[in-house]
N, C-alpha and C. Protein backbone atom coordinates (compact mmCIF):
# COMPACT_ATOMS: atom_id res chain seq x y z
N UNK A 1 78.97 107.14 96.54
CA UNK A 1 78.43 107.14 97.89
C UNK A 1 79.45 107.69 98.89
N UNK A 2 80.73 107.43 98.66
CA UNK A 2 81.75 107.94 99.58
C UNK A 2 81.67 109.45 99.68
N UNK A 3 81.59 110.11 98.54
CA UNK A 3 81.53 111.58 98.57
C UNK A 3 80.26 112.08 99.24
N UNK A 4 79.16 111.35 99.08
CA UNK A 4 77.91 111.74 99.74
C UNK A 4 78.06 111.68 101.26
N UNK A 5 78.67 110.61 101.75
CA UNK A 5 78.87 110.45 103.19
C UNK A 5 79.79 111.55 103.71
N UNK A 6 80.87 111.83 102.97
CA UNK A 6 81.81 112.87 103.39
C UNK A 6 81.14 114.24 103.38
N UNK A 7 80.29 114.49 102.40
CA UNK A 7 79.55 115.76 102.36
C UNK A 7 78.66 115.89 103.59
N UNK A 8 77.98 114.82 103.95
CA UNK A 8 77.12 114.85 105.13
C UNK A 8 77.94 115.15 106.39
N UNK A 9 79.08 114.48 106.52
CA UNK A 9 79.95 114.74 107.67
C UNK A 9 80.40 116.19 107.68
N UNK A 10 80.76 116.71 106.52
CA UNK A 10 81.20 118.09 106.41
C UNK A 10 80.11 119.09 106.74
N UNK A 11 78.86 118.68 106.53
CA UNK A 11 77.73 119.55 106.83
C UNK A 11 77.32 119.46 108.31
N UNK A 12 78.06 118.65 109.07
CA UNK A 12 77.78 118.56 110.49
C UNK A 12 76.84 117.45 110.89
N UNK A 13 76.49 116.58 109.96
CA UNK A 13 75.62 115.45 110.27
C UNK A 13 76.47 114.41 111.01
N UNK A 14 75.96 113.92 112.11
CA UNK A 14 76.72 112.94 112.90
C UNK A 14 76.68 111.57 112.23
N UNK A 15 77.63 110.73 112.61
CA UNK A 15 77.66 109.37 112.08
C UNK A 15 76.37 108.65 112.43
N UNK A 16 75.89 108.84 113.64
CA UNK A 16 74.64 108.20 114.06
C UNK A 16 73.48 108.62 113.16
N UNK A 17 73.42 109.91 112.82
CA UNK A 17 72.35 110.40 111.95
C UNK A 17 72.49 109.84 110.54
N UNK A 18 73.71 109.73 110.06
CA UNK A 18 73.93 109.18 108.72
C UNK A 18 73.40 107.75 108.65
N UNK A 19 73.74 106.95 109.66
CA UNK A 19 73.27 105.56 109.69
C UNK A 19 71.76 105.50 109.83
N UNK A 20 71.21 106.30 110.71
CA UNK A 20 69.77 106.26 110.99
C UNK A 20 68.94 106.82 109.84
N UNK A 21 69.36 107.98 109.30
CA UNK A 21 68.50 108.71 108.38
C UNK A 21 68.85 108.56 106.90
N UNK A 22 70.09 108.22 106.59
CA UNK A 22 70.50 108.21 105.19
C UNK A 22 70.96 106.84 104.68
N UNK A 23 71.79 106.17 105.44
CA UNK A 23 72.38 104.91 105.00
C UNK A 23 72.31 103.85 106.10
N UNK A 24 71.13 103.29 106.33
CA UNK A 24 70.98 102.31 107.42
C UNK A 24 71.79 101.03 107.21
N UNK A 25 72.26 100.80 105.99
CA UNK A 25 73.08 99.61 105.73
C UNK A 25 74.53 99.78 106.13
N UNK A 26 74.91 100.99 106.52
CA UNK A 26 76.29 101.25 106.93
C UNK A 26 76.40 101.23 108.45
N UNK A 27 77.63 101.10 108.92
CA UNK A 27 77.89 101.23 110.35
C UNK A 27 79.00 102.26 110.55
N UNK A 28 79.32 102.56 111.80
CA UNK A 28 80.30 103.60 112.10
C UNK A 28 81.65 103.31 111.45
N UNK A 29 82.09 102.07 111.52
CA UNK A 29 83.39 101.71 110.94
C UNK A 29 83.41 101.97 109.44
N UNK A 30 82.35 101.61 108.75
CA UNK A 30 82.28 101.83 107.30
C UNK A 30 82.35 103.32 106.96
N UNK A 31 81.67 104.12 107.75
CA UNK A 31 81.66 105.57 107.50
C UNK A 31 83.05 106.15 107.75
N UNK A 32 83.71 105.72 108.79
CA UNK A 32 85.07 106.20 109.07
C UNK A 32 86.03 105.76 107.96
N UNK A 33 85.86 104.55 107.45
CA UNK A 33 86.70 104.07 106.35
C UNK A 33 86.44 104.89 105.08
N UNK A 34 85.20 105.23 104.83
CA UNK A 34 84.86 106.06 103.67
C UNK A 34 85.53 107.42 103.79
N UNK A 35 85.50 107.99 104.98
CA UNK A 35 86.13 109.29 105.21
C UNK A 35 87.64 109.21 104.99
N UNK A 36 88.28 108.16 105.50
CA UNK A 36 89.72 107.99 105.32
C UNK A 36 90.06 107.77 103.84
N UNK A 37 89.25 106.99 103.15
CA UNK A 37 89.47 106.75 101.72
C UNK A 37 89.40 108.07 100.96
N UNK A 38 88.38 108.85 101.24
CA UNK A 38 88.20 110.13 100.56
C UNK A 38 89.38 111.06 100.82
N UNK A 39 89.79 111.15 102.07
CA UNK A 39 90.92 112.01 102.41
C UNK A 39 92.19 111.55 101.70
N UNK A 40 92.42 110.25 101.65
CA UNK A 40 93.59 109.71 100.98
C UNK A 40 93.57 110.00 99.49
N UNK A 41 92.42 109.86 98.86
CA UNK A 41 92.27 110.14 97.44
C UNK A 41 92.47 111.61 97.17
N UNK A 42 91.89 112.45 97.99
CA UNK A 42 92.01 113.90 97.82
C UNK A 42 93.47 114.33 97.94
N UNK A 43 94.14 113.86 98.97
CA UNK A 43 95.53 114.24 99.18
C UNK A 43 96.41 113.74 98.05
N UNK A 44 96.17 112.53 97.58
CA UNK A 44 96.97 111.96 96.50
C UNK A 44 96.82 112.77 95.21
N UNK A 45 95.62 113.25 94.95
CA UNK A 45 95.35 113.97 93.71
C UNK A 45 95.76 115.43 93.75
N UNK A 46 95.92 116.01 94.93
CA UNK A 46 96.16 117.44 95.01
C UNK A 46 97.46 117.83 95.69
N UNK A 47 98.27 116.89 96.06
CA UNK A 47 99.57 117.21 96.65
C UNK A 47 100.43 117.86 95.58
N UNK A 48 101.02 118.99 95.91
CA UNK A 48 101.90 119.67 94.97
C UNK A 48 101.20 120.61 94.01
N UNK A 49 99.89 120.74 94.10
CA UNK A 49 99.17 121.67 93.23
C UNK A 49 99.31 123.07 93.82
N UNK A 50 99.66 124.01 92.98
CA UNK A 50 99.73 125.40 93.45
C UNK A 50 101.10 125.84 93.50
């Protein structure tokens, strides 16, 4: 679900739209935490690649 939320954000869907149209059980704080978690995981896995 974290990657789904991040994909929606990346596609330009607002947090309000995500809560209203896709994940009504989430709130803004949860979505921001999911985004931070995803960014942290991505950076941890790809630092130093290349």
